Amino acid sequence: YHLPIAVTELHNGSTRDEQLRWLVDGWKAAQAAKDSGADVRAVTAWS
């Protein structure tokens, strides 16, 4: 689509360590996609 993107739900119903790892992994993935040229605006901590 070549339209701006935001990750609008990122949540992991798990133990606290896995919840935090999932959030940070998602942030890093979004940042990597942004660095490679995608117009990624945000990551949303859901729930």
ModelCIF file with pLDDT and N, C-alpha, C, O atoms, coordinates in Angstrom:
data_MODEL
#
_entry.id   MODEL 
#
_entity.id                         1 
_entity.type                       polymer 
_entity.pdbx_number_of_molecules   1 
#
_entity_poly.entity_id                      1 
_entity_poly.type                           'polypeptide(L)' 
_entity_poly.nstd_linkage                   no 
_entity_poly.nstd_monomer                   no 
_entity_poly.pdbx_seq_one_letter_code       YHLPIAVTELHNGSTRDEQLRWLVDGWKAAQAAKDSGADVRAVTAWS 
_entity_poly.pdbx_seq_one_letter_code_can   YHLPIAVTELHNGSTRDEQLRWLVDGWKAAQAAKDSGADVRAVTAWS 
_entity_poly.pdbx_strand_id                 A 
#
loop_
_entity_poly_seq.entity_id 
_entity_poly_seq.num 
_entity_poly_seq.mon_id 
_entity_poly_seq.hetero 
1 1  TYR n 
1 2  HIS n 
1 3  LEU n 
1 4  PRO n 
1 5  ILE n 
1 6  ALA n 
1 7  VAL n 
1 8  THR n 
1 9  GLU n 
1 10 LEU n 
1 11 HIS n 
1 12 ASN n 
1 13 GLY n 
1 14 SER n 
1 15 THR n 
1 16 ARG n 
1 17 ASP n 
1 18 GLU n 
1 19 GLN n 
1 20 LEU n 
1 21 ARG n 
1 22 TRP n 
1 23 LEU n 
1 24 VAL n 
1 25 ASP n 
1 26 GLY n 
1 27 TRP n 
1 28 LYS n 
1 29 ALA n 
1 30 ALA n 
1 31 GLN n 
1 32 ALA n 
1 33 ALA n 
1 34 LYS n 
1 35 ASP n 
1 36 SER n 
1 37 GLY n 
1 38 ALA n 
1 39 ASP n 
1 40 VAL n 
1 41 ARG n 
1 42 ALA n 
1 43 VAL n 
1 44 THR n 
1 45 ALA n 
1 46 TRP n 
1 47 SER n 
#
_struct_asym.id          A 
_struct_asym.entity_id   1 
#
loop_
_ma_qa_metric.id 
_ma_qa_metric.mode 
_ma_qa_metric.name 
_ma_qa_metric.software_group_id 
_ma_qa_metric.type 
1 global pLDDT . pLDDT 
2 local  pLDDT . pLDDT 
#
_ma_qa_metric_global.metric_id      1 
_ma_qa_metric_global.metric_value   97.89 
_ma_qa_metric_global.model_id       1 
_ma_qa_metric_global.ordinal_id     1 
#
loop_
_ma_qa_metric_local.label_asym_id 
_ma_qa_metric_local.label_comp_id 
_ma_qa_metric_local.label_seq_id 
_ma_qa_metric_local.metric_id 
_ma_qa_metric_local.metric_value 
_ma_qa_metric_local.model_id 
_ma_qa_metric_local.ordinal_id 
A TYR 1  2 98.00 1 1  
A HIS 2  2 98.00 1 2  
A LEU 3  2 98.00 1 3  
A PRO 4  2 98.00 1 4  
A ILE 5  2 98.00 1 5  
A ALA 6  2 98.00 1 6  
A VAL 7  2 98.00 1 7  
A THR 8  2 98.00 1 8  
A GLU 9  2 98.00 1 9  
A LEU 10 2 98.00 1 10 
A HIS 11 2 98.00 1 11 
A ASN 12 2 97.00 1 12 
A GLY 13 2 96.00 1 13 
A SER 14 2 97.00 1 14 
A THR 15 2 98.00 1 15 
A ARG 16 2 98.00 1 16 
A ASP 17 2 98.00 1 17 
A GLU 18 2 98.00 1 18 
A GLN 19 2 98.00 1 19 
A LEU 20 2 98.00 1 20 
A ARG 21 2 98.00 1 21 
A TRP 22 2 98.00 1 22 
A LEU 23 2 98.00 1 23 
A VAL 24 2 98.00 1 24 
A ASP 25 2 98.00 1 25 
A GLY 26 2 98.00 1 26 
A TRP 27 2 98.00 1 27 
A LYS 28 2 98.00 1 28 
A ALA 29 2 98.00 1 29 
A ALA 30 2 98.00 1 30 
A GLN 31 2 98.00 1 31 
A ALA 32 2 98.00 1 32 
A ALA 33 2 98.00 1 33 
A LYS 34 2 98.00 1 34 
A ASP 35 2 98.00 1 35 
A SER 36 2 97.00 1 36 
A GLY 37 2 98.00 1 37 
A ALA 38 2 98.00 1 38 
A ASP 39 2 98.00 1 39 
A VAL 40 2 98.00 1 40 
A ARG 41 2 98.00 1 41 
A ALA 42 2 98.00 1 42 
A VAL 43 2 98.00 1 43 
A THR 44 2 98.00 1 44 
A ALA 45 2 98.00 1 45 
A TRP 46 2 98.00 1 46 
A SER 47 2 98.00 1 47 
#
loop_
_atom_site.group_PDB 
_atom_site.id 
_atom_site.type_symbol 
_atom_site.label_atom_id 
_atom_site.label_alt_id 
_atom_site.label_comp_id 
_atom_site.label_asym_id 
_atom_site.label_entity_id 
_atom_site.label_seq_id 
_atom_site.pdbx_PDB_ins_code 
_atom_site.Cartn_x 
_atom_site.Cartn_y 
_atom_site.Cartn_z 
_atom_site.occupancy 
_atom_site.B_iso_or_equiv 
_atom_site.pdbx_formal_charge 
_atom_site.auth_seq_id 
_atom_site.auth_comp_id 
_atom_site.auth_asym_id 
_atom_site.auth_atom_id 
_atom_site.pdbx_PDB_model_num 
ATOM 1   N N  . TYR A 1 1  ? 0.796  -1.237  0.000  1.00 98.00 ? 1  TYR A N  1 
ATOM 2   C CA . TYR A 1 1  ? 0.000  0.000   0.000  1.00 98.00 ? 1  TYR A CA 1 
ATOM 3   C C  . TYR A 1 1  ? 0.829  1.287   0.000  1.00 98.00 ? 1  TYR A C  1 
ATOM 4   O O  . TYR A 1 1  ? 0.351  2.317   -0.477 1.00 98.00 ? 1  TYR A O  1 
ATOM 5   N N  . HIS A 1 2  ? 2.037  1.255   0.514  1.00 98.00 ? 2  HIS A N  1 
ATOM 6   C CA . HIS A 1 2  ? 2.866  2.453   0.649  1.00 98.00 ? 2  HIS A CA 1 
ATOM 7   C C  . HIS A 1 2  ? 2.107  3.583   1.346  1.00 98.00 ? 2  HIS A C  1 
ATOM 8   O O  . HIS A 1 2  ? 2.131  4.738   0.920  1.00 98.00 ? 2  HIS A O  1 
ATOM 9   N N  . LEU A 1 3  ? 1.433  3.202   2.434  1.00 98.00 ? 3  LEU A N  1 
ATOM 10  C CA . LEU A 1 3  ? 0.739  4.158   3.288  1.00 98.00 ? 3  LEU A CA 1 
ATOM 11  C C  . LEU A 1 3  ? 1.362  4.126   4.681  1.00 98.00 ? 3  LEU A C  1 
ATOM 12  O O  . LEU A 1 3  ? 1.927  3.105   5.074  1.00 98.00 ? 3  LEU A O  1 
ATOM 13  N N  . PRO A 1 4  ? 1.272  5.223   5.435  1.00 98.00 ? 4  PRO A N  1 
ATOM 14  C CA . PRO A 1 4  ? 1.828  5.231   6.800  1.00 98.00 ? 4  PRO A CA 1 
ATOM 15  C C  . PRO A 1 4  ? 1.246  4.089   7.631  1.00 98.00 ? 4  PRO A C  1 
ATOM 16  O O  . PRO A 1 4  ? 0.086  3.710   7.475  1.00 98.00 ? 4  PRO A O  1 
ATOM 17  N N  . ILE A 1 5  ? 2.083  3.553   8.517  1.00 98.00 ? 5  ILE A N  1 
ATOM 18  C CA . ILE A 1 5  ? 1.722  2.377   9.311  1.00 98.00 ? 5  ILE A CA 1 
ATOM 19  C C  . ILE A 1 5  ? 1.956  2.675   10.782 1.00 98.00 ? 5  ILE A C  1 
ATOM 20  O O  . ILE A 1 5  ? 2.924  3.342   11.147 1.00 98.00 ? 5  ILE A O  1 
ATOM 21  N N  . ALA A 1 6  ? 1.064  2.176   11.618 1.00 98.00 ? 6  ALA A N  1 
ATOM 22  C CA . ALA A 1 6  ? 1.295  2.129   13.064 1.00 98.00 ? 6  ALA A CA 1 
ATOM 23  C C  . ALA A 1 6  ? 0.951  0.729   13.539 1.00 98.00 ? 6  ALA A C  1 
ATOM 24  O O  . ALA A 1 6  ? -0.036 0.142   13.095 1.00 98.00 ? 6  ALA A O  1 
ATOM 25  N N  . VAL A 1 7  ? 1.751  0.201   14.428 1.00 98.00 ? 7  VAL A N  1 
ATOM 26  C CA . VAL A 1 7  ? 1.381  -1.048  15.095 1.00 98.00 ? 7  VAL A CA 1 
ATOM 27  C C  . VAL A 1 7  ? 0.364  -0.646  16.157 1.00 98.00 ? 7  VAL A C  1 
ATOM 28  O O  . VAL A 1 7  ? 0.714  0.016   17.134 1.00 98.00 ? 7  VAL A O  1 
ATOM 29  N N  . THR A 1 8  ? -0.897 -1.044  15.967 1.00 98.00 ? 8  THR A N  1 
ATOM 30  C CA . THR A 1 8  ? -1.969 -0.507  16.803 1.00 98.00 ? 8  THR A CA 1 
ATOM 31  C C  . THR A 1 8  ? -2.421 -1.446  17.918 1.00 98.00 ? 8  THR A C  1 
ATOM 32  O O  . THR A 1 8  ? -3.217 -1.048  18.768 1.00 98.00 ? 8  THR A O  1 
ATOM 33  N N  . GLU A 1 9  ? -1.931 -2.675  17.931 1.00 98.00 ? 9  GLU A N  1 
ATOM 34  C CA . GLU A 1 9  ? -2.141 -3.562  19.079 1.00 98.00 ? 9  GLU A CA 1 
ATOM 35  C C  . GLU A 1 9  ? -0.920 -4.456  19.209 1.00 98.00 ? 9  GLU A C  1 
ATOM 36  O O  . GLU A 1 9  ? -0.545 -5.162  18.272 1.00 98.00 ? 9  GLU A O  1 
ATOM 37  N N  . LEU A 1 10 ? -0.304 -4.414  20.388 1.00 98.00 ? 10 LEU A N  1 
ATOM 38  C CA . LEU A 1 10 ? 0.811  -5.299  20.712 1.00 98.00 ? 10 LEU A CA 1 
ATOM 39  C C  . LEU A 1 10 ? 0.623  -5.728  22.161 1.00 98.00 ? 10 LEU A C  1 
ATOM 40  O O  . LEU A 1 10 ? 0.766  -4.928  23.086 1.00 98.00 ? 10 LEU A O  1 
ATOM 41  N N  . HIS A 1 11 ? 0.302  -6.995  22.341 1.00 98.00 ? 11 HIS A N  1 
ATOM 42  C CA . HIS A 1 11 ? 0.013  -7.504  23.684 1.00 98.00 ? 11 HIS A CA 1 
ATOM 43  C C  . HIS A 1 11 ? 0.319  -8.995  23.707 1.00 98.00 ? 11 HIS A C  1 
ATOM 44  O O  . HIS A 1 11 ? 0.139  -9.693  22.710 1.00 98.00 ? 11 HIS A O  1 
ATOM 45  N N  . ASN A 1 12 ? 0.778  -9.468  24.847 1.00 97.00 ? 12 ASN A N  1 
ATOM 46  C CA . ASN A 1 12 ? 1.057  -10.891 25.027 1.00 97.00 ? 12 ASN A CA 1 
ATOM 47  C C  . ASN A 1 12 ? 0.518  -11.303 26.392 1.00 97.00 ? 12 ASN A C  1 
ATOM 48  O O  . ASN A 1 12 ? 1.045  -10.897 27.428 1.00 97.00 ? 12 ASN A O  1 
ATOM 49  N N  . GLY A 1 13 ? -0.535 -12.112 26.380 1.00 96.00 ? 13 GLY A N  1 
ATOM 50  C CA . GLY A 1 13 ? -1.109 -12.582 27.641 1.00 96.00 ? 13 GLY A CA 1 
ATOM 51  C C  . GLY A 1 13 ? -0.271 -13.704 28.213 1.00 96.00 ? 13 GLY A C  1 
ATOM 52  O O  . GLY A 1 13 ? -0.547 -14.877 27.957 1.00 96.00 ? 13 GLY A O  1 
ATOM 53  N N  . SER A 1 14 ? 0.748  -13.365 28.982 1.00 97.00 ? 14 SER A N  1 
ATOM 54  C CA . SER A 1 14 ? 1.705  -14.370 29.456 1.00 97.00 ? 14 SER A CA 1 
ATOM 55  C C  . SER A 1 14 ? 2.306  -13.912 30.771 1.00 97.00 ? 14 SER A C  1 
ATOM 56  O O  . SER A 1 14 ? 1.793  -13.008 31.431 1.00 97.00 ? 14 SER A O  1 
ATOM 57  N N  . THR A 1 15 ? 3.409  -14.558 31.139 1.00 98.00 ? 15 THR A N  1 
ATOM 58  C CA . THR A 1 15 ? 4.130  -14.135 32.337 1.00 98.00 ? 15 THR A CA 1 
ATOM 59  C C  . THR A 1 15 ? 4.792  -12.787 32.071 1.00 98.00 ? 15 THR A C  1 
ATOM 60  O O  . THR A 1 15 ? 4.955  -12.377 30.921 1.00 98.00 ? 15 THR A O  1 
ATOM 61  N N  . ARG A 1 16 ? 5.167  -12.110 33.140 1.00 98.00 ? 16 ARG A N  1 
ATOM 62  C CA . ARG A 1 16 ? 5.615  -10.727 32.997 1.00 98.00 ? 16 ARG A CA 1 
ATOM 63  C C  . ARG A 1 16 ? 6.870  -10.606 32.134 1.00 98.00 ? 16 ARG A C  1 
ATOM 64  O O  . ARG A 1 16 ? 6.987  -9.672  31.341 1.00 98.00 ? 16 ARG A O  1 
ATOM 65  N N  . ASP A 1 17 ? 7.800  -11.533 32.279 1.00 98.00 ? 17 ASP A N  1 
ATOM 66  C CA . ASP A 1 17 ? 9.019  -11.479 31.482 1.00 98.00 ? 17 ASP A CA 1 
ATOM 67  C C  . ASP A 1 17 ? 8.700  -11.549 29.997 1.00 98.00 ? 17 ASP A C  1 
ATOM 68  O O  . ASP A 1 17 ? 9.266  -10.802 29.198 1.00 98.00 ? 17 ASP A O  1 
ATOM 69  N N  . GLU A 1 18 ? 7.777  -12.464 29.622 1.00 98.00 ? 18 GLU A N  1 
ATOM 70  C CA . GLU A 1 18 ? 7.435  -12.619 28.218 1.00 98.00 ? 18 GLU A CA 1 
ATOM 71  C C  . GLU A 1 18 ? 6.634  -11.426 27.710 1.00 98.00 ? 18 GLU A C  1 
ATOM 72  O O  . GLU A 1 18 ? 6.752  -11.061 26.541 1.00 98.00 ? 18 GLU A O  1 
ATOM 73  N N  . GLN A 1 19 ? 5.832  -10.822 28.557 1.00 98.00 ? 19 GLN A N  1 
ATOM 74  C CA . GLN A 1 19 ? 5.107  -9.624  28.157 1.00 98.00 ? 19 GLN A CA 1 
ATOM 75  C C  . GLN A 1 19 ? 6.068  -8.487  27.810 1.00 98.00 ? 19 GLN A C  1 
ATOM 76  O O  . GLN A 1 19 ? 5.899  -7.801  26.802 1.00 98.00 ? 19 GLN A O  1 
ATOM 77  N N  . LEU A 1 20 ? 7.070  -8.302  28.653 1.00 98.00 ? 20 LEU A N  1 
ATOM 78  C CA . LEU A 1 20 ? 8.022  -7.223  28.420 1.00 98.00 ? 20 LEU A CA 1 
ATOM 79  C C  . LEU A 1 20 ? 8.894  -7.520  27.202 1.00 98.00 ? 20 LEU A C  1 
ATOM 80  O O  . LEU A 1 20 ? 9.183  -6.624  26.409 1.00 98.00 ? 20 LEU A O  1 
ATOM 81  N N  . ARG A 1 21 ? 9.306  -8.763  27.056 1.00 98.00 ? 21 ARG A N  1 
ATOM 82  C CA . ARG A 1 21 ? 10.104 -9.132  25.876 1.00 98.00 ? 21 ARG A CA 1 
ATOM 83  C C  . ARG A 1 21 ? 9.318  -8.922  24.591 1.00 98.00 ? 21 ARG A C  1 
ATOM 84  O O  . ARG A 1 21 ? 9.876  -8.470  23.591 1.00 98.00 ? 21 ARG A O  1 
ATOM 85  N N  . TRP A 1 22 ? 8.021  -9.247  24.605 1.00 98.00 ? 22 TRP A N  1 
ATOM 86  C CA . TRP A 1 22 ? 7.186  -9.088  23.417 1.00 98.00 ? 22 TRP A CA 1 
ATOM 87  C C  . TRP A 1 22 ? 7.053  -7.618  23.039 1.00 98.00 ? 22 TRP A C  1 
ATOM 88  O O  . TRP A 1 22 ? 7.125  -7.270  21.860 1.00 98.00 ? 22 TRP A O  1 
ATOM 89  N N  . LEU A 1 23 ? 6.859  -6.758  24.028 1.00 98.00 ? 23 LEU A N  1 
ATOM 90  C CA . LEU A 1 23 ? 6.764  -5.330  23.763 1.00 98.00 ? 23 LEU A CA 1 
ATOM 91  C C  . LEU A 1 23 ? 8.053  -4.807  23.152 1.00 98.00 ? 23 LEU A C  1 
ATOM 92  O O  . LEU A 1 23 ? 8.023  -4.090  22.152 1.00 98.00 ? 23 LEU A O  1 
ATOM 93  N N  . VAL A 1 24 ? 9.174  -5.158  23.741 1.00 98.00 ? 24 VAL A N  1 
ATOM 94  C CA . VAL A 1 24 ? 10.457 -4.643  23.260 1.00 98.00 ? 24 VAL A CA 1 
ATOM 95  C C  . VAL A 1 24 ? 10.804 -5.239  21.902 1.00 98.00 ? 24 VAL A C  1 
ATOM 96  O O  . VAL A 1 24 ? 11.342 -4.539  21.045 1.00 98.00 ? 24 VAL A O  1 
ATOM 97  N N  . ASP A 1 25 ? 10.505 -6.523  21.688 1.00 98.00 ? 25 ASP A N  1 
ATOM 98  C CA . ASP A 1 25 ? 10.722 -7.132  20.371 1.00 98.00 ? 25 ASP A CA 1 
ATOM 99  C C  . ASP A 1 25 ? 9.905  -6.407  19.310 1.00 98.00 ? 25 ASP A C  1 
ATOM 100 O O  . ASP A 1 25 ? 10.396 -6.134  18.215 1.00 98.00 ? 25 ASP A O  1 
ATOM 101 N N  . GLY A 1 26 ? 8.632  -6.091  19.649 1.00 98.00 ? 26 GLY A N  1 
ATOM 102 C CA . GLY A 1 26 ? 7.785  -5.378  18.703 1.00 98.00 ? 26 GLY A CA 1 
ATOM 103 C C  . GLY A 1 26 ? 8.316  -3.994  18.381 1.00 98.00 ? 26 GLY A C  1 
ATOM 104 O O  . GLY A 1 26 ? 8.280  -3.552  17.233 1.00 98.00 ? 26 GLY A O  1 
ATOM 105 N N  . TRP A 1 27 ? 8.806  -3.321  19.398 1.00 98.00 ? 27 TRP A N  1 
ATOM 106 C CA . TRP A 1 27 ? 9.394  -1.988  19.196 1.00 98.00 ? 27 TRP A CA 1 
ATOM 107 C C  . TRP A 1 27 ? 10.606 -2.078  18.271 1.00 98.00 ? 27 TRP A C  1 
ATOM 108 O O  . TRP A 1 27 ? 10.756 -1.272  17.352 1.00 98.00 ? 27 TRP A O  1 
ATOM 109 N N  . LYS A 1 28 ? 11.458 -3.053  18.517 1.00 98.00 ? 28 LYS A N  1 
ATOM 110 C CA . LYS A 1 28 ? 12.666 -3.203  17.692 1.00 98.00 ? 28 LYS A CA 1 
ATOM 111 C C  . LYS A 1 28 ? 12.308 -3.567  16.254 1.00 98.00 ? 28 LYS A C  1 
ATOM 112 O O  . LYS A 1 28 ? 12.945 -3.086  15.317 1.00 98.00 ? 28 LYS A O  1 
ATOM 113 N N  . ALA A 1 29 ? 11.291 -4.416  16.071 1.00 98.00 ? 29 ALA A N  1 
ATOM 114 C CA . ALA A 1 29 ? 10.862 -4.790  14.725 1.00 98.00 ? 29 ALA A CA 1 
ATOM 115 C C  . ALA A 1 29 ? 10.322 -3.585  13.972 1.00 98.00 ? 29 ALA A C  1 
ATOM 116 O O  . ALA A 1 29 ? 10.630 -3.392  12.796 1.00 98.00 ? 29 ALA A O  1 
ATOM 117 N N  . ALA A 1 30 ? 9.516  -2.772  14.651 1.00 98.00 ? 30 ALA A N  1 
ATOM 118 C CA . ALA A 1 30 ? 8.972  -1.571  14.023 1.00 98.00 ? 30 ALA A CA 1 
ATOM 119 C C  . ALA A 1 30 ? 10.083 -0.592  13.670 1.00 98.00 ? 30 ALA A C  1 
ATOM 120 O O  . ALA A 1 30 ? 10.060 0.036   12.611 1.00 98.00 ? 30 ALA A O  1 
ATOM 121 N N  . GLN A 1 31 ? 11.055 -0.470  14.570 1.00 98.00 ? 31 GLN A N  1 
ATOM 122 C CA . GLN A 1 31 ? 12.172 0.437   14.313 1.00 98.00 ? 31 GLN A CA 1 
ATOM 123 C C  . GLN A 1 31 ? 13.004 -0.055  13.137 1.00 98.00 ? 31 GLN A C  1 
ATOM 124 O O  . GLN A 1 31 ? 13.460 0.741   12.316 1.00 98.00 ? 31 GLN A O  1 
ATOM 125 N N  . ALA A 1 32 ? 13.204 -1.386  13.057 1.00 98.00 ? 32 ALA A N  1 
ATOM 126 C CA . ALA A 1 32 ? 13.972 -1.953  11.948 1.00 98.00 ? 32 ALA A CA 1 
ATOM 127 C C  . ALA A 1 32 ? 13.257 -1.724  10.621 1.00 98.00 ? 32 ALA A C  1 
ATOM 128 O O  . ALA A 1 32 ? 13.890 -1.398  9.618  1.00 98.00 ? 32 ALA A O  1 
ATOM 129 N N  . ALA A 1 33 ? 11.928 -1.895  10.618 1.00 98.00 ? 33 ALA A N  1 
ATOM 130 C CA . ALA A 1 33 ? 11.165 -1.654  9.396  1.00 98.00 ? 33 ALA A CA 1 
ATOM 131 C C  . ALA A 1 33 ? 11.234 -0.177  9.003  1.00 98.00 ? 33 ALA A C  1 
ATOM 132 O O  . ALA A 1 33 ? 11.338 0.155   7.823  1.00 98.00 ? 33 ALA A O  1 
ATOM 133 N N  . LYS A 1 34 ? 11.175 0.689   9.991  1.00 98.00 ? 34 LYS A N  1 
ATOM 134 C CA . LYS A 1 34 ? 11.277 2.130   9.739  1.00 98.00 ? 34 LYS A CA 1 
ATOM 135 C C  . LYS A 1 34 ? 12.650 2.467   9.165  1.00 98.00 ? 34 LYS A C  1 
ATOM 136 O O  . LYS A 1 34 ? 12.762 3.241   8.214  1.00 98.00 ? 34 LYS A O  1 
ATOM 137 N N  . ASP A 1 35 ? 13.684 1.886   9.746  1.00 98.00 ? 35 ASP A N  1 
ATOM 138 C CA . ASP A 1 35 ? 15.048 2.136   9.285  1.00 98.00 ? 35 ASP A CA 1 
ATOM 139 C C  . ASP A 1 35 ? 15.269 1.638   7.858  1.00 98.00 ? 35 ASP A C  1 
ATOM 140 O O  . ASP A 1 35 ? 16.115 2.165   7.136  1.00 98.00 ? 35 ASP A O  1 
ATOM 141 N N  . SER A 1 36 ? 14.501 0.615   7.453  1.00 97.00 ? 36 SER A N  1 
ATOM 142 C CA . SER A 1 36 ? 14.669 0.069   6.106  1.00 97.00 ? 36 SER A CA 1 
ATOM 143 C C  . SER A 1 36 ? 13.801 0.779   5.072  1.00 97.00 ? 36 SER A C  1 
ATOM 144 O O  . SER A 1 36 ? 13.798 0.403   3.900  1.00 97.00 ? 36 SER A O  1 
ATOM 145 N N  . GLY A 1 37 ? 13.062 1.805   5.502  1.00 98.00 ? 37 GLY A N  1 
ATOM 146 C CA . GLY A 1 37 ? 12.348 2.634   4.547  1.00 98.00 ? 37 GLY A CA 1 
ATOM 147 C C  . GLY A 1 37 ? 10.841 2.696   4.693  1.00 98.00 ? 37 GLY A C  1 
ATOM 148 O O  . GLY A 1 37 ? 10.212 3.534   4.047  1.00 98.00 ? 37 GLY A O  1 
ATOM 149 N N  . ALA A 1 38 ? 10.228 1.844   5.515  1.00 98.00 ? 38 ALA A N  1 
ATOM 150 C CA . ALA A 1 38 ? 8.777  1.897   5.710  1.00 98.00 ? 38 ALA A CA 1 
ATOM 151 C C  . ALA A 1 38 ? 8.415  3.087   6.587  1.00 98.00 ? 38 ALA A C  1 
ATOM 152 O O  . ALA A 1 38 ? 9.155  3.450   7.501  1.00 98.00 ? 38 ALA A O  1 
ATOM 153 N N  . ASP A 1 39 ? 7.271  3.687   6.296  1.00 98.00 ? 39 ASP A N  1 
ATOM 154 C CA . ASP A 1 39 ? 6.812  4.847   7.073  1.00 98.00 ? 39 ASP A CA 1 
ATOM 155 C C  . ASP A 1 39 ? 6.036  4.334   8.285  1.00 98.00 ? 39 ASP A C  1 
ATOM 156 O O  . ASP A 1 39 ? 4.806  4.288   8.274  1.00 98.00 ? 39 ASP A O  1 
ATOM 157 N N  . VAL A 1 40 ? 6.768  3.950   9.328  1.00 98.00 ? 40 VAL A N  1 
ATOM 158 C CA . VAL A 1 40 ? 6.169  3.424   10.551 1.00 98.00 ? 40 VAL A CA 1 
ATOM 159 C C  . VAL A 1 40 ? 6.140  4.537   11.584 1.00 98.00 ? 40 VAL A C  1 
ATOM 160 O O  . VAL A 1 40 ? 7.172  5.129   11.902 1.00 98.00 ? 40 VAL A O  1 
ATOM 161 N N  . ARG A 1 41 ? 4.946  4.820   12.109 1.00 98.00 ? 41 ARG A N  1 
ATOM 162 C CA . ARG A 1 41 ? 4.779  5.969   12.996 1.00 98.00 ? 41 ARG A CA 1 
ATOM 163 C C  . ARG A 1 41 ? 4.851  5.605   14.485 1.00 98.00 ? 41 ARG A C  1 
ATOM 164 O O  . ARG A 1 41 ? 5.394  6.371   15.282 1.00 98.00 ? 41 ARG A O  1 
ATOM 165 N N  . ALA A 1 42 ? 4.308  4.447   14.862 1.00 98.00 ? 42 ALA A N  1 
ATOM 166 C CA . ALA A 1 42 ? 4.164  4.179   16.295 1.00 98.00 ? 42 ALA A CA 1 
ATOM 167 C C  . ALA A 1 42 ? 3.973  2.700   16.565 1.00 98.00 ? 42 ALA A C  1 
ATOM 168 O O  . ALA A 1 42 ? 3.670  1.910   15.671 1.00 98.00 ? 42 ALA A O  1 
ATOM 169 N N  . VAL A 1 43 ? 4.162  2.353   17.833 1.00 98.00 ? 43 VAL A N  1 
ATOM 170 C CA . VAL A 1 43 ? 3.844  1.022   18.369 1.00 98.00 ? 43 VAL A CA 1 
ATOM 171 C C  . VAL A 1 43 ? 2.887  1.250   19.538 1.00 98.00 ? 43 VAL A C  1 
ATOM 172 O O  . VAL A 1 43 ? 3.132  2.105   20.389 1.00 98.00 ? 43 VAL A O  1 
ATOM 173 N N  . THR A 1 44 ? 1.803  0.486   19.575 1.00 98.00 ? 44 THR A N  1 
ATOM 174 C CA . THR A 1 44 ? 0.775  0.692   20.598 1.00 98.00 ? 44 THR A CA 1 
ATOM 175 C C  . THR A 1 44 ? 0.810  -0.415  21.645 1.00 98.00 ? 44 THR A C  1 
ATOM 176 O O  . THR A 1 44 ? 0.644  -1.593  21.326 1.00 98.00 ? 44 THR A O  1 
ATOM 177 N N  . ALA A 1 45 ? 1.025  -0.028  22.880 1.00 98.00 ? 45 ALA A N  1 
ATOM 178 C CA . ALA A 1 45 ? 0.900  -0.968  23.998 1.00 98.00 ? 45 ALA A CA 1 
ATOM 179 C C  . ALA A 1 45 ? -0.587 -1.155  24.256 1.00 98.00 ? 45 ALA A C  1 
ATOM 180 O O  . ALA A 1 45 ? -1.259 -0.251  24.753 1.00 98.00 ? 45 ALA A O  1 
ATOM 181 N N  . TRP A 1 46 ? -1.099 -2.340  23.913 1.00 98.00 ? 46 TRP A N  1 
ATOM 182 C CA . TRP A 1 46 ? -2.531 -2.592  23.982 1.00 98.00 ? 46 TRP A CA 1 
ATOM 183 C C  . TRP A 1 46 ? -2.914 -3.199  25.324 1.00 98.00 ? 46 TRP A C  1 
ATOM 184 O O  . TRP A 1 46 ? -2.064 -3.700  26.060 1.00 98.00 ? 46 TRP A O  1 
ATOM 185 N N  . SER A 1 47 ? -4.182 -3.148  25.623 1.00 98.00 ? 47 SER A N  1 
ATOM 186 C CA . SER A 1 47 ? -4.722 -3.737  26.856 1.00 98.00 ? 47 SER A CA 1 
ATOM 187 C C  . SER A 1 47 ? -3.986 -3.204  28.081 1.00 98.00 ? 47 SER A C  1 
ATOM 188 O O  . SER A 1 47 ? -4.303 -3.588  29.206 1.00 98.00 ? 47 SER A O  1 
#
